[in-house]
């Protein structure tokens, strides 16, 4: 006689993966292009900030690199590189740079004024509560 358990197993077996539903078609080229573009970083505009355009932003107004990047719409690392170059070339202009170095809010440790990026931790107290360095420009006093 037949074993009913084995018979039920044979009839309740799930169909193979290839037998399930209608055959899937390949996505159209537009769909695949959209999926590729969805994972790419947004393309930045062709407009670059010129270093001379940073002078009016910083004239008599201290700002951090992050604030300037938000105003201009560029990445902070790009603005930092442009600011470093601008600070080196200021000796040929009528402006001088005033840099407020980064400072720990907890213990008051003051970082080097040569770095424009915000440090991650204070070397004294290991706190992350740090004020960003700020840069401003002033006109040179005659004489």
N, C-alpha and C. Protein backbone atom coordinates (compact mmCIF):
# COMPACT_ATOMS: atom_id res chain seq x y z
N UNK A 1 0.83 -1.18 0.00
CA UNK A 1 0.00 0.00 0.00
C UNK A 1 0.88 1.24 0.00
N UNK A 2 0.21 2.37 -0.32
CA UNK A 2 0.93 3.63 -0.39
C UNK A 2 1.05 4.29 0.99
N UNK A 3 2.14 4.90 1.16
CA UNK A 3 2.33 5.67 2.38
C UNK A 3 1.77 7.06 2.13
N UNK A 4 0.77 7.47 2.85
CA UNK A 4 0.12 8.75 2.60
C UNK A 4 1.04 9.92 2.92
N UNK A 5 1.93 9.74 3.82
CA UNK A 5 2.84 10.82 4.17
C UNK A 5 3.75 11.17 3.00
N UNK A 6 4.32 10.19 2.34
CA UNK A 6 5.21 10.46 1.22
C UNK A 6 4.45 11.04 0.04
N UNK A 7 3.22 10.59 -0.17
CA UNK A 7 2.40 11.11 -1.26
C UNK A 7 2.09 12.57 -1.05
N UNK A 8 1.76 12.96 0.17
CA UNK A 8 1.43 14.35 0.46
C UNK A 8 2.66 15.25 0.29
N UNK A 9 3.81 14.69 0.59
CA UNK A 9 5.03 15.46 0.40
C UNK A 9 5.28 15.73 -1.08
N UNK A 10 5.01 14.77 -1.90
CA UNK A 10 5.22 14.95 -3.33
C UNK A 10 4.26 15.96 -3.93
N UNK A 11 3.03 15.96 -3.49
CA UNK A 11 2.04 16.87 -4.05
C UNK A 11 2.16 18.27 -3.48
N UNK A 12 2.70 18.43 -2.28
CA UNK A 12 2.79 19.75 -1.68
C UNK A 12 4.14 20.43 -1.96
N UNK A 13 4.92 19.80 -2.78
CA UNK A 13 6.23 20.36 -3.10
C UNK A 13 6.07 21.66 -3.87
N UNK A 14 6.86 22.64 -3.50
CA UNK A 14 6.79 23.93 -4.16
C UNK A 14 7.37 23.82 -5.56
N UNK A 15 6.83 24.57 -6.52
CA UNK A 15 7.39 24.51 -7.87
C UNK A 15 8.79 25.12 -7.89
N UNK A 16 9.59 24.71 -8.83
CA UNK A 16 10.93 25.25 -8.96
C UNK A 16 10.89 26.74 -9.27
N UNK A 17 11.96 27.42 -8.99
CA UNK A 17 12.01 28.87 -9.16
C UNK A 17 11.75 29.29 -10.61
N UNK A 18 12.22 28.50 -11.56
CA UNK A 18 12.03 28.86 -12.96
C UNK A 18 10.57 28.73 -13.39
N UNK A 19 9.80 27.90 -12.69
CA UNK A 19 8.41 27.69 -13.05
C UNK A 19 7.48 28.73 -12.45
N UNK A 20 7.99 29.62 -11.60
CA UNK A 20 7.12 30.57 -10.92
C UNK A 20 6.79 31.74 -11.83
N UNK A 21 5.54 31.98 -12.05
CA UNK A 21 5.05 33.18 -12.72
C UNK A 21 5.59 33.38 -14.13
N UNK A 22 5.17 34.50 -14.72
CA UNK A 22 5.63 34.78 -16.08
C UNK A 22 7.11 35.13 -16.09
N UNK A 23 7.69 34.94 -17.24
CA UNK A 23 9.11 35.21 -17.39
C UNK A 23 9.36 36.71 -17.23
N UNK A 24 10.40 37.07 -16.45
CA UNK A 24 10.71 38.48 -16.24
C UNK A 24 11.47 39.00 -17.44
N UNK A 25 11.13 40.20 -17.82
CA UNK A 25 11.83 40.81 -18.95
C UNK A 25 12.93 41.71 -18.41
N UNK A 26 13.90 41.97 -19.22
CA UNK A 26 14.98 42.87 -18.82
C UNK A 26 14.44 44.28 -18.71
N UNK A 27 14.94 45.05 -17.74
CA UNK A 27 14.46 46.43 -17.62
C UNK A 27 14.90 47.25 -18.83
N UNK A 28 14.09 48.22 -19.14
CA UNK A 28 14.45 49.08 -20.27
C UNK A 28 15.70 49.88 -19.93
N UNK A 29 16.32 50.43 -20.94
CA UNK A 29 17.57 51.16 -20.71
C UNK A 29 17.33 52.37 -19.81
N UNK A 30 16.16 53.00 -19.90
CA UNK A 30 15.87 54.16 -19.07
C UNK A 30 15.77 53.76 -17.60
N UNK A 31 15.14 52.62 -17.32
CA UNK A 31 15.00 52.17 -15.94
C UNK A 31 16.37 51.87 -15.34
N UNK A 32 17.22 51.19 -16.09
CA UNK A 32 18.53 50.87 -15.56
C UNK A 32 19.37 52.13 -15.40
N UNK A 33 19.20 53.09 -16.29
CA UNK A 33 19.93 54.36 -16.17
C UNK A 33 19.48 55.11 -14.93
N UNK A 34 18.17 55.09 -14.67
CA UNK A 34 17.67 55.76 -13.47
C UNK A 34 18.21 55.11 -12.21
N UNK A 35 18.29 53.79 -12.20
CA UNK A 35 18.79 53.11 -11.00
C UNK A 35 20.27 53.40 -10.79
N UNK A 36 21.02 53.55 -11.87
CA UNK A 36 22.43 53.90 -11.75
C UNK A 36 22.57 55.31 -11.22
N UNK A 37 21.78 56.22 -11.75
CA UNK A 37 21.88 57.62 -11.33
C UNK A 37 21.40 57.82 -9.90
N UNK A 38 20.55 56.96 -9.42
CA UNK A 38 20.04 57.11 -8.05
C UNK A 38 21.14 56.91 -7.02
N UNK A 39 22.14 56.11 -7.35
CA UNK A 39 23.20 55.82 -6.40
C UNK A 39 24.43 56.68 -6.59
N UNK A 40 24.45 57.50 -7.61
CA UNK A 40 25.59 58.38 -7.82
C UNK A 40 25.43 59.63 -7.01
N UNK A 41 26.57 60.23 -6.66
CA UNK A 41 26.52 61.50 -5.95
C UNK A 41 26.01 62.57 -6.90
N UNK A 42 25.30 63.55 -6.37
CA UNK A 42 24.81 64.61 -7.26
C UNK A 42 25.97 65.36 -7.90
N UNK A 43 25.79 65.69 -9.14
CA UNK A 43 26.84 66.39 -9.87
C UNK A 43 26.83 67.85 -9.44
N UNK A 44 28.00 68.35 -9.11
CA UNK A 44 28.08 69.75 -8.70
C UNK A 44 27.98 70.64 -9.92
N UNK A 45 27.54 71.82 -9.67
CA UNK A 45 27.43 72.76 -10.77
C UNK A 45 28.82 73.12 -11.29
N UNK A 46 28.86 73.59 -12.50
CA UNK A 46 30.13 73.93 -13.12
C UNK A 46 30.73 75.19 -12.50
N UNK A 47 29.94 75.94 -11.75
CA UNK A 47 30.41 77.18 -11.16
C UNK A 47 31.37 76.86 -10.01
N UNK A 48 32.56 77.37 -10.10
CA UNK A 48 33.55 77.23 -9.04
C UNK A 48 33.68 78.56 -8.33
N UNK A 49 33.99 78.52 -7.06
CA UNK A 49 34.21 79.73 -6.31
C UNK A 49 35.65 80.17 -6.56
N UNK A 50 35.81 81.37 -7.01
CA UNK A 50 37.15 81.90 -7.19
C UNK A 50 37.62 82.46 -5.85
N UNK A 51 38.90 82.40 -5.63
CA UNK A 51 39.44 82.84 -4.34
C UNK A 51 39.19 84.32 -4.11
N UNK A 52 39.20 85.09 -5.18
CA UNK A 52 38.96 86.52 -5.01
C UNK A 52 37.52 86.80 -4.59
N UNK A 53 36.60 85.85 -4.87
CA UNK A 53 35.21 86.02 -4.44
C UNK A 53 35.04 85.78 -2.94
N UNK A 54 36.03 85.17 -2.30
CA UNK A 54 35.95 84.94 -0.86
C UNK A 54 36.27 86.21 -0.07
N UNK A 55 36.97 87.15 -0.67
CA UNK A 55 37.37 88.37 0.05
C UNK A 55 36.16 89.16 0.53
N UNK A 56 35.15 89.46 -0.31
CA UNK A 56 33.99 90.20 0.22
C UNK A 56 33.22 89.45 1.29
N UNK A 57 33.22 88.11 1.23
CA UNK A 57 32.53 87.33 2.27
C UNK A 57 33.20 87.46 3.63
N UNK A 58 34.53 87.57 3.62
CA UNK A 58 35.28 87.57 4.87
C UNK A 58 35.65 88.95 5.38
N UNK A 59 35.41 89.98 4.59
CA UNK A 59 35.82 91.33 4.96
C UNK A 59 35.04 91.80 6.18
N UNK A 60 35.73 92.01 7.29
CA UNK A 60 35.17 92.47 8.57
C UNK A 60 34.06 91.56 9.10
N UNK A 61 34.09 90.27 8.75
CA UNK A 61 33.07 89.33 9.21
C UNK A 61 33.72 87.96 9.40
N UNK A 62 33.95 87.56 10.64
CA UNK A 62 34.59 86.27 10.92
C UNK A 62 33.62 85.13 10.66
N UNK A 63 34.08 84.15 9.86
CA UNK A 63 33.25 82.99 9.54
C UNK A 63 34.11 81.74 9.56
N UNK A 64 33.46 80.62 9.86
CA UNK A 64 34.16 79.34 9.84
C UNK A 64 34.12 78.77 8.43
N UNK A 65 34.90 77.74 8.20
CA UNK A 65 34.95 77.09 6.89
C UNK A 65 33.58 76.50 6.55
N UNK A 66 32.91 75.91 7.53
CA UNK A 66 31.60 75.31 7.29
C UNK A 66 30.57 76.37 6.91
N UNK A 67 30.62 77.54 7.55
CA UNK A 67 29.69 78.62 7.22
C UNK A 67 29.92 79.12 5.80
N UNK A 68 31.17 79.28 5.42
CA UNK A 68 31.49 79.74 4.06
C UNK A 68 31.03 78.70 3.04
N UNK A 69 31.25 77.42 3.34
CA UNK A 69 30.85 76.35 2.42
C UNK A 69 29.34 76.35 2.21
N UNK A 70 28.57 76.58 3.27
CA UNK A 70 27.11 76.65 3.13
C UNK A 70 26.69 77.84 2.29
N UNK A 71 27.33 78.98 2.50
CA UNK A 71 26.99 80.18 1.74
C UNK A 71 27.28 80.02 0.25
N UNK A 72 28.41 79.41 -0.04
CA UNK A 72 28.87 79.30 -1.42
C UNK A 72 28.30 78.07 -2.12
N UNK A 73 27.97 77.03 -1.36
CA UNK A 73 27.44 75.81 -1.96
C UNK A 73 28.52 74.86 -2.42
N UNK A 74 29.66 74.88 -1.80
CA UNK A 74 30.77 73.99 -2.13
C UNK A 74 31.05 73.09 -0.93
N UNK A 75 31.92 72.11 -1.15
CA UNK A 75 32.32 71.22 -0.06
C UNK A 75 33.31 71.94 0.86
N UNK A 76 33.23 71.70 2.16
CA UNK A 76 34.16 72.38 3.08
C UNK A 76 35.63 72.12 2.79
N UNK A 77 35.97 70.93 2.31
CA UNK A 77 37.38 70.65 2.01
C UNK A 77 37.88 71.50 0.85
N UNK A 78 37.00 71.79 -0.13
CA UNK A 78 37.38 72.66 -1.24
C UNK A 78 37.58 74.09 -0.76
N UNK A 79 36.68 74.55 0.10
CA UNK A 79 36.77 75.90 0.64
C UNK A 79 38.02 76.03 1.50
N UNK A 80 38.34 74.99 2.26
CA UNK A 80 39.54 75.04 3.11
C UNK A 80 40.80 75.19 2.26
N UNK A 81 40.87 74.45 1.16
CA UNK A 81 42.04 74.56 0.28
C UNK A 81 42.11 75.95 -0.35
N UNK A 82 40.96 76.48 -0.77
CA UNK A 82 40.95 77.82 -1.36
C UNK A 82 41.34 78.88 -0.33
N UNK A 83 40.88 78.71 0.90
CA UNK A 83 41.23 79.67 1.95
C UNK A 83 42.73 79.63 2.27
N UNK A 84 43.29 78.43 2.30
CA UNK A 84 44.73 78.32 2.56
C UNK A 84 45.52 79.07 1.48
N UNK A 85 45.11 78.91 0.24
CA UNK A 85 45.79 79.60 -0.84
C UNK A 85 45.57 81.11 -0.76
N UNK A 86 44.36 81.52 -0.42
CA UNK A 86 44.06 82.95 -0.29
C UNK A 86 44.90 83.58 0.83
N UNK A 87 45.05 82.87 1.95
CA UNK A 87 45.84 83.41 3.06
C UNK A 87 47.31 83.56 2.67
N UNK A 88 47.82 82.65 1.84
CA UNK A 88 49.21 82.78 1.38
C UNK A 88 49.38 83.95 0.41
N UNK A 89 48.36 84.22 -0.38
CA UNK A 89 48.50 85.27 -1.39
C UNK A 89 48.04 86.64 -0.90
N UNK A 90 47.62 86.76 0.35
CA UNK A 90 47.16 88.05 0.87
C UNK A 90 48.29 89.06 1.04
N UNK A 91 49.53 88.59 1.09
CA UNK A 91 50.63 89.53 1.29
C UNK A 91 50.81 90.46 0.08
N UNK A 92 50.22 90.10 -1.05
CA UNK A 92 50.30 90.92 -2.25
C UNK A 92 49.08 91.84 -2.41
N UNK A 93 48.20 91.86 -1.42
CA UNK A 93 46.99 92.68 -1.50
C UNK A 93 46.97 93.69 -0.36
N UNK A 94 45.88 94.43 -0.27
CA UNK A 94 45.75 95.43 0.79
C UNK A 94 44.99 94.88 2.01
N UNK A 95 44.89 93.54 2.11
CA UNK A 95 44.15 92.92 3.21
C UNK A 95 45.09 92.13 4.11
N UNK A 96 44.69 92.00 5.37
CA UNK A 96 45.39 91.10 6.29
C UNK A 96 44.36 90.13 6.88
N UNK A 97 44.81 88.94 7.18
CA UNK A 97 43.91 87.91 7.72
C UNK A 97 43.94 87.93 9.24
N UNK A 98 42.77 87.77 9.81
CA UNK A 98 42.63 87.63 11.26
C UNK A 98 42.01 86.25 11.50
N UNK A 99 42.78 85.39 12.16
CA UNK A 99 42.32 84.01 12.38
C UNK A 99 42.09 83.80 13.87
N UNK A 100 40.86 83.42 14.22
CA UNK A 100 40.55 83.00 15.59
C UNK A 100 40.73 81.48 15.60
N UNK A 101 41.72 80.96 16.30
CA UNK A 101 41.96 79.51 16.25
C UNK A 101 40.84 78.72 16.93
N UNK A 102 40.79 77.44 16.61
CA UNK A 102 39.81 76.56 17.25
C UNK A 102 40.11 76.49 18.75
N UNK A 103 39.03 76.34 19.54
CA UNK A 103 39.19 76.37 20.98
C UNK A 103 38.24 75.36 21.61
N UNK A 104 38.74 74.68 22.64
CA UNK A 104 37.91 73.73 23.39
C UNK A 104 36.98 74.53 24.29
N UNK A 105 35.70 74.21 24.27
CA UNK A 105 34.74 74.93 25.11
C UNK A 105 34.79 74.48 26.56
N UNK A 106 35.32 73.31 26.82
CA UNK A 106 35.33 72.79 28.18
C UNK A 106 36.54 73.30 28.96
N UNK A 107 37.75 73.10 28.40
CA UNK A 107 38.95 73.47 29.18
C UNK A 107 39.61 74.74 28.64
N UNK A 108 39.20 75.23 27.48
CA UNK A 108 39.76 76.46 26.95
C UNK A 108 41.04 76.30 26.16
N UNK A 109 41.44 75.06 25.86
CA UNK A 109 42.67 74.82 25.10
C UNK A 109 42.54 75.46 23.72
N UNK A 110 43.57 76.17 23.29
CA UNK A 110 43.56 76.84 22.00
C UNK A 110 44.47 76.08 21.04
N UNK A 111 43.91 75.72 19.88
CA UNK A 111 44.65 74.97 18.87
C UNK A 111 45.49 75.93 18.04
N UNK A 112 46.31 75.38 17.16
CA UNK A 112 47.16 76.17 16.29
C UNK A 112 46.30 76.96 15.30
N UNK A 113 46.71 78.19 15.03
CA UNK A 113 45.95 79.02 14.09
C UNK A 113 46.23 78.64 12.64
N UNK A 114 47.20 77.79 12.40
CA UNK A 114 47.53 77.43 11.02
C UNK A 114 46.53 76.45 10.41
N UNK A 115 45.81 75.71 11.25
CA UNK A 115 44.83 74.74 10.74
C UNK A 115 43.46 75.39 10.69
N UNK A 116 42.78 75.23 9.54
CA UNK A 116 41.45 75.80 9.38
C UNK A 116 40.34 74.78 9.58
N UNK A 117 40.70 73.50 9.60
CA UNK A 117 39.70 72.45 9.83
C UNK A 117 39.44 72.31 11.32
N UNK A 118 38.20 71.94 11.65
CA UNK A 118 37.85 71.75 13.05
C UNK A 118 38.47 70.46 13.57
N UNK A 119 39.21 70.53 14.68
CA UNK A 119 39.79 69.30 15.25
C UNK A 119 38.68 68.41 15.81
N UNK A 120 38.96 67.12 15.91
CA UNK A 120 37.93 66.21 16.39
C UNK A 120 37.85 66.17 17.92
N UNK A 121 39.03 66.19 18.59
CA UNK A 121 39.04 66.11 20.06
C UNK A 121 40.08 67.05 20.63
N UNK A 122 39.85 67.45 21.85
CA UNK A 122 40.82 68.27 22.57
C UNK A 122 41.92 67.36 23.11
N UNK A 123 43.20 67.73 22.91
CA UNK A 123 44.26 66.87 23.43
C UNK A 123 44.38 66.90 24.96
N UNK A 124 43.86 67.94 25.60
CA UNK A 124 43.92 68.02 27.06
C UNK A 124 42.85 67.18 27.74
N UNK A 125 41.58 67.48 27.41
CA UNK A 125 40.48 66.84 28.13
C UNK A 125 39.75 65.77 27.32
N UNK A 126 40.14 65.56 26.08
CA UNK A 126 39.53 64.57 25.19
C UNK A 126 38.06 64.83 24.91
N UNK A 127 37.63 66.07 25.07
CA UNK A 127 36.25 66.43 24.81
C UNK A 127 36.09 66.77 23.34
N UNK A 128 34.89 66.61 22.81
CA UNK A 128 34.62 66.93 21.41
C UNK A 128 33.85 68.24 21.26
N UNK A 129 33.69 68.97 22.33
CA UNK A 129 32.93 70.22 22.33
C UNK A 129 33.87 71.36 21.94
N UNK A 130 34.09 71.53 20.64
CA UNK A 130 35.14 72.42 20.15
C UNK A 130 34.53 73.47 19.22
N UNK A 131 34.96 74.71 19.41
CA UNK A 131 34.57 75.80 18.51
C UNK A 131 35.44 75.75 17.26
N UNK A 132 34.84 75.94 16.11
CA UNK A 132 35.59 75.92 14.86
C UNK A 132 36.46 77.16 14.74
N UNK A 133 37.57 77.06 14.01
CA UNK A 133 38.37 78.26 13.76
C UNK A 133 37.60 79.20 12.82
N UNK A 134 37.78 80.49 13.03
CA UNK A 134 37.07 81.49 12.23
C UNK A 134 38.08 82.41 11.56
N UNK A 135 37.78 82.80 10.34
CA UNK A 135 38.69 83.63 9.55
C UNK A 135 37.95 84.90 9.15
N UNK A 136 38.65 86.03 9.24
CA UNK A 136 38.10 87.29 8.73
C UNK A 136 39.25 88.06 8.09
N UNK A 137 38.90 89.05 7.30
CA UNK A 137 39.88 89.90 6.64
C UNK A 137 39.65 91.35 7.04
N UNK A 138 40.75 92.09 7.16
CA UNK A 138 40.69 93.53 7.41
C UNK A 138 41.59 94.22 6.41
N UNK A 139 41.33 95.48 6.17
CA UNK A 139 42.23 96.25 5.30
C UNK A 139 43.45 96.67 6.10
N UNK A 140 44.59 96.74 5.43
CA UNK A 140 45.82 97.15 6.12
C UNK A 140 45.75 98.62 6.45
N UNK A 141 46.29 98.96 7.60
CA UNK A 141 46.36 100.37 8.01
C UNK A 141 47.50 101.03 7.26
N UNK A 142 47.29 102.20 6.66
CA UNK A 142 48.37 102.87 5.95
C UNK A 142 49.46 103.33 6.92
N UNK A 143 50.69 103.23 6.45
CA UNK A 143 51.80 103.77 7.23
C UNK A 143 52.61 102.82 7.93
